[in-house]
Protein backbone atom coordinates (compact mmCIF):
# COMPACT_ATOMS: atom_id res chain seq x y z
CA MET A 1 -116.17 188.54 49.20
CA LEU A 2 -117.94 190.23 52.02
CA ASN A 3 -115.76 191.01 55.35
CA LYS A 4 -117.60 191.17 58.59
CA THR A 5 -117.93 194.63 58.93
CA GLU A 6 -119.59 194.51 55.67
CA CYS A 7 -122.01 192.08 56.35
CA GLN A 8 -123.44 194.10 59.78
CA HIS A 9 -124.56 196.12 57.25
CA ARG A 10 -126.35 193.46 54.52
CA TYR A 11 -128.69 192.70 57.95
CA SER A 12 -131.42 194.96 59.22
CA ASP A 13 -131.93 196.26 62.57
CA GLN A 14 -134.96 194.38 62.45
CA GLU A 15 -133.45 191.14 62.13
CA ARG A 16 -130.70 191.87 64.53
CA ARG A 17 -133.47 193.09 67.16
CA ASP A 18 -135.13 189.45 66.38
CA LEU A 19 -131.63 187.51 67.23
CA ALA A 20 -130.85 189.81 70.28
CA ARG A 21 -134.61 189.01 71.52
CA VAL A 22 -134.27 185.35 70.72
CA ILE A 23 -131.40 184.56 72.74
CA ASP A 24 -132.23 186.97 75.62
CA ARG A 25 -135.43 185.09 75.77
CA SER A 26 -134.26 181.65 74.78
CA ASP A 27 -136.85 181.26 72.63
CA LEU A 28 -135.90 178.29 70.20
CA ALA A 29 -137.27 175.43 68.83
CA ILE A 30 -135.37 172.02 68.78
CA VAL A 31 -136.29 169.33 66.32
CA LEU A 32 -134.93 166.05 66.04
CA GLN A 33 -134.43 163.73 63.03
CA PRO A 34 -133.61 160.04 62.87
CA ILE A 35 -130.27 158.92 61.71
CA VAL A 36 -131.99 155.79 60.74
CA ASP A 37 -129.77 151.99 60.53
CA LEU A 38 -130.00 150.71 57.09
CA ARG A 39 -129.40 147.01 58.26
CA THR A 40 -132.47 147.15 60.80
CA GLY A 41 -134.54 150.51 59.73
CA LEU A 42 -134.08 152.01 63.38
CA PRO A 43 -132.98 155.01 64.16
CA MET A 44 -128.86 154.75 65.38
CA ALA A 45 -129.62 158.59 66.53
CA TYR A 46 -131.41 161.92 66.25
CA GLU A 47 -129.59 165.10 65.05
CA ALA A 48 -131.01 167.88 67.05
CA LEU A 49 -131.82 170.55 64.75
CA VAL A 50 -132.28 174.26 65.40
CA ARG A 51 -135.57 176.27 64.51
CA PRO A 52 -136.23 180.05 64.95
CA PRO A 53 -139.77 180.93 66.25
CA GLU A 54 -142.75 182.19 64.24
CA TRP A 55 -142.57 185.50 65.10
CA THR A 56 -138.83 186.37 63.81
CA SER A 57 -137.98 187.90 60.51
CA PHE A 58 -135.94 184.95 59.64
CA GLU A 59 -136.33 182.96 56.66
CA ASN A 60 -134.11 179.86 57.93
CA THR A 61 -131.78 178.94 60.54
CA GLU A 62 -129.04 179.57 58.19
CA GLN A 63 -129.95 182.88 57.87
CA MET A 64 -130.08 183.25 62.03
CA SER A 65 -127.29 181.69 62.24
CA LYS A 66 -125.04 184.52 59.82
CA ILE A 67 -127.14 187.39 61.63
CA ALA A 68 -125.65 185.88 65.03
CA GLU A 69 -122.31 185.31 63.30
CA SER A 70 -121.63 188.92 61.65
CA GLU A 71 -123.30 190.19 65.27
CA HIS A 72 -120.50 188.07 67.13
CA ARG A 73 -123.51 186.48 69.01
CA LEU A 74 -123.00 182.92 67.54
CA TRP A 75 -121.68 181.55 70.63
CA ASP A 76 -124.69 182.76 72.47
CA LEU A 77 -126.49 181.20 70.12
CA GLU A 78 -125.16 177.84 69.78
CA ARG A 79 -124.86 177.44 73.52
CA LEU A 80 -128.91 178.24 73.58
CA ALA A 81 -129.67 175.61 70.92
CA ARG A 82 -126.76 173.13 72.59
CA GLY A 83 -128.49 173.35 76.18
CA LEU A 84 -131.91 172.85 74.51
CA ALA A 85 -130.87 169.88 72.02
CA LEU A 86 -128.80 167.81 75.31
CA GLN A 87 -132.23 168.05 77.41
CA SER A 88 -133.65 165.52 74.86
CA LEU A 89 -130.43 163.31 75.58
CA PRO A 90 -132.37 161.44 78.46
CA ASP A 91 -135.41 160.74 76.77
CA LEU A 92 -134.49 158.90 73.92
CA PRO A 93 -133.72 155.17 73.71
CA PRO A 94 -130.81 153.70 75.32
CA ASN A 95 -127.58 153.31 72.69
CA VAL A 96 -128.87 155.43 70.91
CA LEU A 97 -126.99 158.85 69.94
CA LEU A 98 -127.81 162.42 69.79
CA PHE A 99 -125.90 164.44 66.95
CA ILE A 100 -125.65 168.29 67.75
CA ASN A 101 -124.49 170.70 66.06
CA CYS A 102 -121.44 173.04 66.53
CA SER A 103 -119.59 175.40 64.30
CA PRO A 104 -115.62 175.67 63.85
CA GLU A 105 -115.47 179.16 65.77
CA VAL A 106 -117.45 177.80 69.04
CA LEU A 107 -115.97 174.68 68.83
CA CYS A 108 -112.97 176.39 69.19
CA ASP A 109 -113.42 178.85 72.08
CA GLU A 110 -112.57 177.52 75.24
CA ARG A 111 -115.63 177.43 76.88
CA ILE A 112 -117.32 174.54 75.17
CA LEU A 113 -116.07 172.10 77.18
CA PRO A 114 -117.17 173.44 81.06
CA SER A 115 -120.50 174.60 78.69
CA LEU A 116 -121.29 170.64 77.19
CA ARG A 117 -120.75 169.51 81.20
CA ASP A 118 -122.90 172.02 82.50
CA ASP A 119 -125.32 171.25 80.23
CA LEU A 120 -124.86 167.29 80.98
CA GLN A 121 -125.05 167.78 84.79
CA HIS A 122 -121.18 166.97 84.81
CA GLY A 123 -121.96 163.65 82.85
CA SER A 124 -120.01 160.80 82.73
CA PRO A 125 -117.87 159.89 80.19
CA ALA A 126 -120.19 156.83 79.05
CA LYS A 127 -122.72 159.39 79.15
CA ASN A 128 -121.05 161.51 77.18
CA ASN A 129 -120.20 158.97 74.47
CA ARG A 130 -124.41 159.27 73.55
CA VAL A 131 -123.40 162.98 72.10
CA VAL A 132 -121.90 163.19 68.69
CA ILE A 133 -120.75 166.66 68.28
CA GLU A 134 -121.28 167.70 64.30
CA LEU A 135 -118.97 169.79 62.92
CA THR A 136 -120.64 172.71 60.26
CA GLU A 137 -119.48 174.52 57.39
CA LEU A 138 -120.33 178.01 59.23
CA SER A 139 -118.39 180.79 60.30
CA ASP A 140 -114.59 181.47 58.50
CA PRO A 141 -112.70 178.18 58.59
CA LYS A 142 -110.03 177.90 61.88
CA SER A 143 -106.96 176.50 61.80
CA LEU A 144 -106.57 173.08 61.66
CA VAL A 145 -104.48 173.27 64.73
CA ASP A 146 -106.68 174.57 66.79
CA LEU A 147 -109.77 172.22 65.78
CA VAL A 148 -107.41 169.02 66.48
CA ARG A 149 -106.19 170.64 69.73
CA GLN A 150 -110.28 170.72 70.67
CA PHE A 151 -111.27 167.08 69.33
CA ASN A 152 -108.32 165.89 71.25
CA LEU A 153 -109.39 167.48 74.40
CA LEU A 154 -113.23 166.84 73.78
CA ARG A 155 -112.72 163.18 72.93
CA GLN A 156 -110.71 162.86 75.99
CA SER A 157 -113.88 163.50 77.83
CA GLY A 158 -115.63 160.78 76.12
CA PHE A 159 -117.71 163.26 72.98
CA ARG A 160 -118.03 161.91 69.58
CA PHE A 161 -117.63 163.79 66.03
CA ALA A 162 -118.38 163.95 62.66
CA ILE A 163 -117.78 165.79 60.25
CA ASP A 164 -120.93 167.66 57.96
CA ASP A 165 -121.56 168.64 54.85
CA VAL A 166 -118.68 166.03 53.34
CA GLY A 167 -118.10 166.67 49.68
CA ALA A 168 -119.07 170.32 50.10
CA GLY A 169 -117.47 173.86 50.94
CA THR A 170 -114.07 173.05 53.80
CA SER A 171 -115.31 169.29 54.48
CA GLY A 172 -111.97 168.51 52.49
CA LEU A 173 -109.85 165.30 52.90
CA ASN A 174 -107.66 167.75 54.78
CA ARG A 175 -109.56 168.01 57.40
CA ILE A 176 -110.76 164.49 58.02
CA THR A 177 -107.07 163.58 57.72
CA ALA A 178 -106.49 165.96 60.35
CA LEU A 179 -109.45 165.55 62.53
CA ARG A 180 -109.83 161.45 62.84
CA PRO A 181 -113.72 162.16 63.09
CA ASP A 182 -116.00 158.65 64.57
CA CYS A 183 -118.60 159.69 61.74
CA LEU A 184 -118.99 161.54 58.10
CA LYS A 185 -121.88 162.34 56.77
CA LEU A 186 -122.18 162.62 52.80
CA ASP A 187 -124.16 165.91 51.79
CA ARG A 188 -127.37 165.93 49.86
CA GLU A 189 -125.54 167.42 46.87
CA LEU A 190 -123.33 164.00 46.50
CA ILE A 191 -127.22 161.86 46.85
CA ALA A 192 -129.35 163.56 45.00
CA GLY A 193 -129.93 161.46 41.87
CA ILE A 194 -127.11 159.28 42.59
CA ASP A 195 -129.26 156.52 40.85
CA ARG A 196 -129.06 158.12 37.67
CA ASP A 197 -124.82 158.87 38.08
CA PRO A 198 -122.23 156.51 37.67
CA PHE A 199 -119.57 159.30 38.57
CA ARG A 200 -121.09 159.45 42.17
CA GLN A 201 -121.82 156.38 42.48
CA ASN A 202 -118.27 155.55 41.80
CA LEU A 203 -117.55 158.50 44.55
CA LEU A 204 -119.66 157.00 46.87
CA LYS A 205 -118.04 153.47 46.69
CA PHE A 206 -114.68 155.56 47.58
CA PHE A 207 -116.31 156.15 50.49
CA VAL A 208 -117.79 153.47 51.75
CA ASP A 209 -114.23 151.56 51.31
CA PHE A 210 -112.89 154.54 53.26
CA ALA A 211 -115.00 154.36 56.42
CA SER A 212 -114.86 150.29 56.29
CA LEU A 213 -111.26 150.31 56.40
CA SER A 214 -111.00 153.56 58.81
CA ASN A 215 -113.73 152.11 61.21
CA ILE A 216 -115.56 155.31 60.62
CA LYS A 217 -119.67 155.23 60.44
CA LEU A 218 -121.20 156.41 57.19
CA ILE A 219 -124.10 158.78 56.76
CA THR A 220 -125.87 159.88 53.89
CA GLU A 221 -127.70 162.94 53.87
CA GLY A 222 -131.18 164.24 52.29
CA VAL A 223 -132.17 161.16 50.87
CA GLU A 224 -135.50 161.92 49.90
CA ARG A 225 -136.72 159.30 46.82
CA GLU A 226 -136.08 155.08 47.30
CA GLU A 227 -134.80 155.00 43.93
CA GLU A 228 -131.61 156.99 45.93
CA LEU A 229 -132.14 154.83 49.01
CA ARG A 230 -131.91 151.39 47.12
CA THR A 231 -128.55 152.74 44.93
CA LEU A 232 -127.20 153.60 49.04
CA MET A 233 -128.01 150.04 49.79
CA ASP A 234 -126.44 148.25 46.36
CA GLN A 235 -123.49 150.55 47.65
CA ASN A 236 -123.09 149.11 51.71
CA VAL A 237 -124.34 152.26 53.34
CA ASP A 238 -125.34 151.04 56.77
CA PHE A 239 -126.98 154.56 57.82
CA ALA A 240 -128.78 157.56 56.01
CA GLN A 241 -131.28 160.14 56.79
CA GLY A 242 -133.93 162.37 55.39
CA TYR A 243 -137.32 162.97 54.57
CA LEU A 244 -137.76 159.74 52.81
CA LEU A 245 -136.85 157.83 56.08
CA GLY A 246 -138.41 160.27 58.77
CA ARG A 247 -139.18 164.09 58.80
CA PRO A 248 -137.79 166.42 61.75
CA ALA A 249 -140.36 166.41 64.64
CA GLY A 250 -140.15 167.02 68.32
CA LEU A 251 -139.24 165.00 71.16
CA GLY A 252 -140.96 160.83 70.17
CA VAL A 253 -140.04 161.17 66.37
CA LYS A 254 -139.93 157.65 64.87
CA VAL A 255 -138.70 156.33 61.49
CA ASP A 256 -141.15 156.99 59.31
CA PRO A 257 -143.11 152.97 59.81
CA VAL A 258 -143.58 152.25 56.09
CA TRP A 259 -140.12 152.30 55.92
CA ALA A 260 -139.13 150.91 59.11
CA GLU A 261 -140.78 148.12 57.85
CA ARG A 262 -139.59 148.30 54.04
CA VAL A 263 -136.14 148.83 54.87
CA PRO A 264 -134.95 145.96 56.21
CA TYR A 265 -136.53 144.40 53.30
CA LEU A 266 -134.39 146.35 50.76
CA ARG A 267 -131.33 145.47 52.30
CA GLU A 268 -131.74 141.68 52.36
CA ARG A 269 -132.37 142.40 48.68
CA ALA A 270 -129.46 144.23 47.83
CA GLU A 271 -127.09 142.24 49.65
CA GLN A 272 -128.59 139.00 48.03
CA ARG A 273 -127.93 141.04 44.75
CA ARG A 274 -124.83 142.09 45.44
CA ASN A 275 -123.89 138.50 46.81
CA VAL A 276 -125.16 136.53 43.91
CA ASN A 277 -123.54 134.78 41.04
CA PRO A 278 -124.11 136.34 37.51
CA ARG A 279 -125.59 133.36 36.44
CA PHE A 280 -128.27 133.31 38.38
CA VAL A 281 -129.17 137.17 38.96
CA ARG A 282 -131.93 138.01 36.70
CA LEU A 283 -132.74 140.99 34.35
CA LYS A 284 -135.83 142.21 35.87
CA GLU A 285 -133.71 143.12 38.75
CA TYR A 286 -132.12 146.15 37.14
CA ALA A 287 -134.83 147.19 34.71
CA VAL A 288 -135.67 150.97 34.96
CA PRO A 289 -139.52 151.42 33.85
CA LEU A 290 -140.22 153.30 31.00
CA VAL A 291 -143.49 155.40 30.07
CA ASN A 292 -145.23 154.14 27.32
CA LEU A 293 -146.54 156.03 24.02
CA ASP A 294 -149.83 154.73 21.66
CA VAL A 295 -148.05 154.93 17.78
CA ASN A 296 -151.71 156.57 17.16
CA ALA A 297 -151.23 159.34 20.21
CA ASP A 298 -151.32 162.77 19.27
CA ALA A 299 -148.72 165.51 19.87
CA ALA A 300 -150.31 166.39 22.83
CA ARG A 301 -149.83 162.98 24.54
CA PHE A 302 -146.58 163.41 23.44
CA ARG A 303 -145.59 166.44 24.72
CA SER A 304 -147.85 165.79 27.96
CA LEU A 305 -145.20 162.41 28.82
CA VAL A 306 -142.08 164.94 28.24
CA GLU A 307 -142.93 167.68 30.51
CA HIS A 308 -144.33 165.17 33.50
CA VAL A 309 -140.91 162.58 33.22
CA SER A 310 -138.57 162.99 35.49
CA GLU A 311 -137.08 159.53 36.27
CA SER A 312 -137.94 157.36 33.19
CA PRO A 313 -135.10 157.20 30.13
CA GLY A 314 -137.07 156.81 27.66
CA ILE A 315 -140.29 156.83 26.10
CA ALA A 316 -141.53 152.39 24.72
CA ILE A 317 -143.51 153.24 21.54
CA LEU A 318 -146.31 150.58 21.32
CA ASP A 319 -148.80 149.21 18.67
CA GLY A 320 -150.93 147.92 20.92
CA ARG A 321 -148.90 145.79 23.24
CA GLN A 322 -146.17 145.36 20.11
CA LEU A 323 -142.93 147.45 21.45
CA ILE A 324 -141.86 148.83 18.23
CA ALA A 325 -139.66 151.70 19.29
CA TYR A 326 -137.65 152.96 21.88
CA LEU A 327 -137.10 157.33 21.95
CA PRO A 328 -134.08 158.25 24.87
CA ILE A 329 -135.65 160.91 26.92
CA GLN A 330 -133.20 163.18 25.76
CA ILE A 331 -134.34 163.03 22.55
CA ALA A 332 -137.71 163.71 23.47
CA ARG A 333 -136.99 166.50 24.63
CA GLN A 334 -135.21 167.96 22.06
CA ILE A 335 -138.09 166.78 19.83
CA ALA A 336 -140.54 168.81 21.88
CA GLN A 337 -138.50 171.61 22.12
CA ASP A 338 -137.45 172.41 18.62
CA HIS A 339 -140.42 171.54 16.33
CA ARG A 340 -144.16 172.64 16.54
CA ASP A 341 -147.16 169.90 17.17
CA ASP A 342 -148.04 169.96 13.29
CA ASP A 343 -144.76 168.55 13.18
CA ILE A 344 -144.66 166.02 15.66
CA SER A 345 -145.92 162.35 13.90
CA VAL A 346 -145.38 158.99 14.08
CA ASP A 347 -142.96 159.12 11.25
CA LEU A 348 -141.09 161.77 13.28
CA LEU A 349 -140.58 159.35 16.26
CA LEU A 350 -139.44 156.70 14.33
CA GLU A 351 -136.75 158.00 12.58
CA LYS A 352 -135.49 159.76 15.79
CA SER A 353 -135.67 156.74 18.09
CA ALA A 354 -132.63 154.55 19.34
CA ARG A 355 -130.78 152.43 16.88
CA GLY A 356 -129.43 148.86 17.93
CA TRP A 357 -131.29 147.68 21.21
CA LEU A 358 -131.48 144.36 22.09
CA VAL A 359 -135.43 143.12 23.54
CA SER A 360 -134.71 140.28 25.94
CA SER A 361 -137.20 138.50 28.36
CA PRO A 362 -137.25 139.43 32.04
CA GLU A 363 -135.96 136.03 33.38
CA THR A 364 -132.92 136.67 31.46
CA THR A 365 -129.66 135.88 33.54
CA LEU A 366 -126.83 138.56 33.65
CA ALA A 367 -124.66 136.03 31.86
CA GLU A 368 -126.79 135.25 29.45
CA ALA A 369 -127.16 138.87 28.55
CA ILE A 370 -123.71 139.97 28.54
CA LEU A 371 -123.12 136.64 25.94
CA LEU A 372 -126.34 138.18 23.79
CA ALA A 373 -125.36 142.09 24.10
CA THR A 374 -121.95 141.36 23.33
CA SER A 375 -123.11 139.21 19.78
CA ARG A 376 -124.37 142.68 18.31
CA PRO A 377 -121.78 144.79 16.01
CA ASP A 378 -119.60 146.85 16.83
CA SER A 379 -121.77 149.96 16.02
CA ASP A 380 -124.38 148.89 18.70
CA LEU A 381 -122.67 147.64 21.91
CA ALA A 382 -123.53 150.71 23.99
CA ALA A 383 -127.60 150.46 22.73
CA PRO A 384 -129.62 149.42 26.03
CA ILE A 385 -130.98 145.74 26.55
CA LEU A 386 -135.47 146.31 26.41
CA VAL A 387 -136.83 143.84 28.77
CA VAL A 388 -140.49 142.64 27.42
CA SER A 389 -142.57 139.90 28.38
CA ASP A 390 -146.34 140.65 27.57
CA ASP A 391 -145.49 144.18 28.61
CA VAL A 392 -142.68 146.34 28.72
CA VAL A 393 -140.52 146.11 31.73
CA GLY A 394 -138.09 148.51 32.00
CA LEU A 395 -134.73 148.89 30.09
CA VAL A 396 -131.56 147.81 31.47
CA ARG A 397 -128.62 150.33 30.59
CA MET A 398 -125.14 148.32 29.21
CA GLN A 399 -123.05 150.64 31.55
CA THR A 400 -125.82 148.84 34.64
CA LEU A 401 -124.69 145.50 33.47
CA TYR A 402 -121.10 145.13 32.86
CA ARG A 403 -121.12 147.23 36.28
CA THR A 404 -122.99 144.93 38.50
CA ALA A 405 -121.60 142.05 36.86
CA ALA A 406 -118.56 143.20 37.52
CA ASN A 407 -119.10 143.91 41.29
CA LEU A 408 -121.05 140.48 41.61
CA GLN A 409 -118.30 138.05 40.12
CA PRO A 410 -115.79 138.60 42.63
CA ASP A 411 -117.36 137.28 45.88
CA ALA A 412 -119.60 134.63 43.96
CA SER A 413 -117.76 131.53 45.03
CA ILE A 414 -117.29 132.80 48.61
CA HIS A 415 -120.57 134.22 48.93
CA THR A 416 -123.36 131.84 46.81
CA SER A 417 -124.01 128.68 45.91
CA GLN A 418 -122.88 127.82 43.03
CA LEU A 419 -125.28 125.64 42.09
CA THR A 420 -128.45 127.09 43.44
CA GLY A 421 -127.30 131.04 43.35
CA LEU A 422 -128.60 131.61 46.78
CA PRO A 423 -126.90 132.80 49.29
CA GLY A 424 -124.27 130.49 51.05
CA ARG A 425 -123.14 130.54 54.88
CA VAL A 426 -121.45 133.62 54.90
CA GLN A 427 -124.35 135.37 54.86
CA ILE A 428 -126.63 133.05 56.29
CA ASP A 429 -124.16 133.81 59.81
CA GLN A 430 -124.25 137.65 58.99
CA GLN A 431 -128.24 136.73 58.80
CA ILE A 432 -128.27 134.71 61.98
CA GLU A 433 -125.59 137.00 63.78
CA ARG A 434 -127.72 140.50 62.80
CA ARG A 435 -130.85 139.04 63.95
CA ILE A 436 -129.75 137.70 67.34
CA GLU A 437 -128.39 141.20 67.72
CA THR A 438 -131.41 143.12 67.29
CA MET A 439 -133.81 140.07 69.30
CA ASP A 440 -135.85 139.32 66.56
CA LEU A 441 -138.76 137.62 67.11
CA GLY A 442 -138.82 135.41 64.15
CA SER A 443 -138.00 131.83 62.65
CA ILE A 444 -135.61 129.28 61.34
CA ALA A 445 -136.56 126.48 59.00
CA VAL A 446 -133.97 124.57 58.02
CA ILE A 447 -135.26 121.85 54.82
CA ASP A 448 -133.02 119.04 53.94
CA LEU A 449 -133.29 116.06 51.36
CA ARG A 450 -133.84 113.16 53.07
CA SER A 451 -131.17 109.90 51.41
CA LEU A 452 -129.60 112.74 49.06
CA SER A 453 -126.43 110.38 48.97
CA GLU A 454 -127.98 107.15 48.15
CA TYR A 455 -130.33 108.87 45.87
CA ASN A 456 -127.12 110.01 43.96
CA ARG A 457 -125.81 106.42 43.99
CA GLY A 458 -129.02 105.18 42.23
CA TYR A 459 -129.37 107.86 40.04
CA GLY A 460 -125.84 109.60 39.69
CA PHE A 461 -125.31 112.97 40.25
CA PRO A 462 -126.83 114.51 37.79
CA MET A 463 -130.06 113.74 38.67
CA GLY A 464 -129.04 114.58 42.06
CA ASP A 465 -128.12 118.68 41.29
CA ALA A 466 -131.34 118.88 39.18
CA LEU A 467 -133.33 117.87 42.92
CA ILE A 468 -131.46 120.33 44.80
CA ARG A 469 -132.22 123.00 42.43
CA HIS A 470 -135.76 121.81 41.81
CA LEU A 471 -135.76 122.28 45.39
CA GLY A 472 -134.12 125.74 45.64
CA ALA A 473 -136.60 126.94 43.19
CA MET A 474 -139.12 125.90 45.15
CA ILE A 475 -138.22 126.98 47.94
CA VAL A 476 -137.53 130.47 46.43
CA ALA A 477 -141.42 130.94 44.84
CA HIS A 478 -143.13 129.97 48.11
CA PHE A 479 -140.88 132.23 50.50
CA LEU A 480 -139.73 134.70 48.40
CA PRO A 481 -139.61 137.71 47.75
CA PRO A 482 -141.84 138.74 50.90
CA ALA A 483 -140.32 141.13 53.51
CA SER A 484 -139.87 139.01 56.03
CA GLU A 485 -138.00 136.03 53.92
CA PHE A 486 -134.62 135.00 53.60
CA VAL A 487 -133.64 132.07 52.10
CA GLY A 488 -130.03 130.23 52.00
CA HIS A 489 -128.23 127.19 50.28
CA LEU A 490 -126.33 125.81 53.55
CA SER A 491 -124.97 122.81 52.15
CA ASP A 492 -125.33 120.11 49.28
CA ASP A 493 -128.82 118.96 50.56
CA ARG A 494 -129.86 121.75 53.34
CA PHE A 495 -131.44 124.96 52.73
CA ILE A 496 -132.31 127.35 55.76
CA VAL A 497 -135.61 129.83 55.70
CA ILE A 498 -135.62 133.14 58.04
CA SER A 499 -138.39 134.48 58.59
CA ARG A 500 -139.55 137.00 61.08
CA ASN A 501 -142.83 134.94 61.56
CA THR A 502 -142.98 134.22 64.74
CA ASP A 503 -144.11 130.72 63.19
CA PHE A 504 -144.90 129.58 59.76
CA HIS A 505 -145.93 125.92 60.19
CA SER A 506 -148.80 125.85 57.69
CA GLU A 507 -146.39 127.44 54.98
CA LEU A 508 -143.93 124.73 55.24
CA LEU A 509 -146.45 122.41 55.50
CA ALA A 510 -147.82 123.35 51.91
CA LEU A 511 -143.59 122.98 50.62
CA ALA A 512 -143.66 119.88 52.13
CA ASN A 513 -146.97 118.59 49.96
CA GLU A 514 -145.72 120.09 46.82
CA PHE A 515 -142.64 118.69 47.25
CA ASP A 516 -143.83 115.17 47.69
CA LEU A 517 -146.53 115.47 44.62
CA ARG A 518 -143.63 116.95 42.23
CA ARG A 519 -140.73 114.17 43.21
CA ASP A 520 -142.12 111.27 40.93
CA ASP A 521 -140.45 113.20 37.61
CA PHE A 522 -137.09 112.36 39.35
CA PHE A 523 -137.65 108.66 40.18
CA ASP A 524 -138.79 105.73 37.52
CA ALA A 525 -141.86 104.92 37.35
CA ILE A 526 -140.85 101.14 38.67
CA ASP A 527 -139.84 103.40 41.87
CA THR A 528 -142.69 105.66 42.23
CA ASP A 529 -144.75 102.17 42.37
CA ARG A 530 -143.32 100.53 45.13
CA ASN A 531 -142.50 104.05 47.08
CA GLY A 532 -138.79 103.44 47.31
CA PHE A 533 -135.71 102.99 45.69
CA ILE A 534 -132.31 101.01 45.53
CA PRO A 535 -128.84 102.03 45.51
CA ASN A 536 -126.31 100.95 43.32
CA GLY A 537 -124.33 98.03 45.28
CA PHE A 538 -127.54 97.13 47.55
CA GLU A 539 -129.87 94.49 47.14
CA GLU A 540 -133.63 94.11 46.86
CA ASP A 541 -134.51 93.83 50.15
CA HIS A 542 -132.14 97.14 51.05
CA ARG A 543 -135.31 99.14 49.21
CA LEU A 544 -135.27 103.13 50.69
CA PRO A 545 -138.08 105.12 50.99
CA LEU A 546 -138.01 108.11 48.44
CA THR A 547 -136.09 110.90 48.74
CA SER A 548 -138.03 113.08 51.26
CA LEU A 549 -138.04 116.81 52.92
CA ARG A 550 -136.82 116.88 56.45
CA ILE A 551 -138.29 120.37 58.04
CA ILE A 552 -137.24 121.88 60.96
CA LEU A 553 -138.99 124.56 63.10
CA LEU A 554 -137.40 126.71 65.81
CA PRO A 555 -139.62 129.32 66.57
CA ARG A 556 -138.76 132.42 68.20
CA ILE A 557 -135.05 131.47 68.46
CA PHE A 558 -132.90 134.49 67.48
CA ALA A 559 -134.23 135.62 71.48
CA ARG A 560 -133.02 132.19 72.43
CA ALA A 561 -129.96 131.86 70.98
CA SER A 562 -126.62 133.59 71.31
CA THR A 563 -124.48 132.85 68.83
CA SER A 564 -125.62 131.54 65.01
CA ARG A 565 -122.86 128.24 66.41
CA ALA A 566 -125.86 127.92 69.14
CA VAL A 567 -128.27 127.47 66.81
CA TYR A 568 -126.75 125.10 64.27
CA ARG A 569 -125.93 123.03 67.32
CA LEU A 570 -129.50 122.84 68.06
CA ILE A 571 -130.49 122.14 64.70
CA GLN A 572 -128.02 119.40 64.39
CA SER A 573 -129.59 117.90 67.74
CA MET A 574 -133.02 118.23 66.58
CA HIS A 575 -132.18 116.26 63.04
CA SER A 576 -130.32 113.67 64.87
CA LEU A 577 -133.59 113.02 67.16
CA ASP A 578 -135.30 113.23 63.99
CA HIS A 579 -133.06 110.54 62.03
CA ALA A 580 -133.35 108.10 65.13
CA ARG A 581 -137.40 107.84 64.21
CA GLY A 582 -136.18 105.86 61.07
CA PRO A 583 -137.25 106.51 57.29
CA THR A 584 -139.98 107.70 55.90
CA ASN A 585 -141.77 108.47 52.83
CA ALA A 586 -143.31 111.37 53.93
CA SER A 587 -142.26 115.36 54.35
CA SER A 588 -142.36 116.04 57.45
CA VAL A 589 -142.28 118.73 59.87
CA VAL A 590 -140.43 118.79 63.11
CA VAL A 591 -141.04 121.84 65.53
CA LYS A 592 -139.12 122.85 68.29
CA SER A 593 -141.51 124.40 71.01
CA SER A 594 -139.79 124.49 73.81
CA GLU A 595 -136.27 123.63 75.43
CA ASP A 596 -137.47 120.30 76.10
CA ASP A 597 -140.06 119.64 73.56
CA LEU A 598 -140.01 117.78 70.24
CA VAL A 599 -143.14 117.58 68.45
CA LEU A 600 -142.97 115.96 65.04
CA THR A 601 -145.38 116.87 62.39
CA ASP A 602 -146.44 114.16 59.50
CA ARG A 603 -148.18 115.74 56.76
CA ARG A 604 -149.87 112.98 56.18
CA GLN A 605 -151.34 113.32 59.33
CA CYS A 606 -152.62 117.37 58.34
CA ALA A 607 -153.28 117.51 54.52
């Protein structure tokens, strides 16, 4: 390992002169990169990053910093960068934090607190609390005793702390334990390719659980692919940073607008996957796409596929649209490496293709898939499931299947309806509270079945359960999977739709119409002819209208309610008002348009 004297000889005179000019002229560029809250798609913080001027000989910021360290000018360089970065703090949105990088050597310098106070113009603890000092790997590791002393001193003045590059270098568990930071930033090396690496996923799960139990914000760095982002959400990561979500830029940089809109949708889908029952989750949710190769393709086409495929687990060999073989990508690469074009034939590919794989429908549930997979011979138990409809949808590895089922099952009875598999009261409350907190401009619709208890008395509970499942499937078909909708099963006869649309009255009317048209399947012909039914124990003159939908729509409710309890109270009061209007055969939509206004819209009037 080179000592500092040797390091000094490693750098050129030009580099030393460039460093001196940068510091003397205060010539540094500061760019900001958003750290995104994966629950909302909004920035929770920005990290201030340093860029050397273009006129210098420095290849990157790291090289400039290492030269500064060797020249004993690291304090000067970081002091300049820190001062420029903190100038952007007043222009950031309220409650958004600013991360600034600091090496252990500089942090342990007794000048650090007076310097920060000068940069912040003697800011108050409340103002200091928006600054997160991010401890980097740069410079020789300092004594933990010195670092702990400085952490405590700065924390008393209101500053927060983060440890950078966790999982690499000296940012180990001993440093985390000693320093007790507010934030941990996981190194890119742990995140790259995490969607394809169960071992890294296990390690991430450890950090997620640790951070949650320790009240620490966990931030994943270097997110560059959607597949990585999805995996992070599946593991319940709340904060992420990377080129996918937003590149470093000047003041005013925002989260990529595409991802600002898409992130909340992906999060909701992840929560639904994580908290639903394996009896209702479909196999298609976990299928990884394959690349297709026609059985008549030549060797050049085969090589082209192998060379350009990086994310797919393998190749589906098709005869027209018929799947005839599956070739894992590792075997395909070995064939391309070991054989000349003249030797690569269909017979060779079929000979080398995988054995024991199972074909299943996209609509197969996880529970059904496990039963099918485990019915195979022992030698085939590890072989994947190929998801096929009219075309090949993709592949599900058995380890994914088992891991997903194991993660889902423990919370199923708490978080989901056993009857419909939809998110239950716990998730619904979380959704409402989250949207109230962010002042979401969207709406809530509560959909319930009129006279369900009487229907159960007349037709029996199995038919009542079938009617509930039927309605649940209809609601899902109408409102999922668009990014703006969340569907939950609130209670036996009641469902909820949460939408970012300020008004989706017409969509609800369409649901009401369809339900009324299809409900005859659940009644005897004599009851449908008479537009009513008689529950057991009632006389003919107590015939009730056919079961219909009561839909309560609350536009812009999240901007008006303070808690989920307030939302439920309003729903109940509107339910009571509508109930007082008397029974009806037709489904209806009740709209709360103002504090005092109640408007009843009957679907027959809007057909």
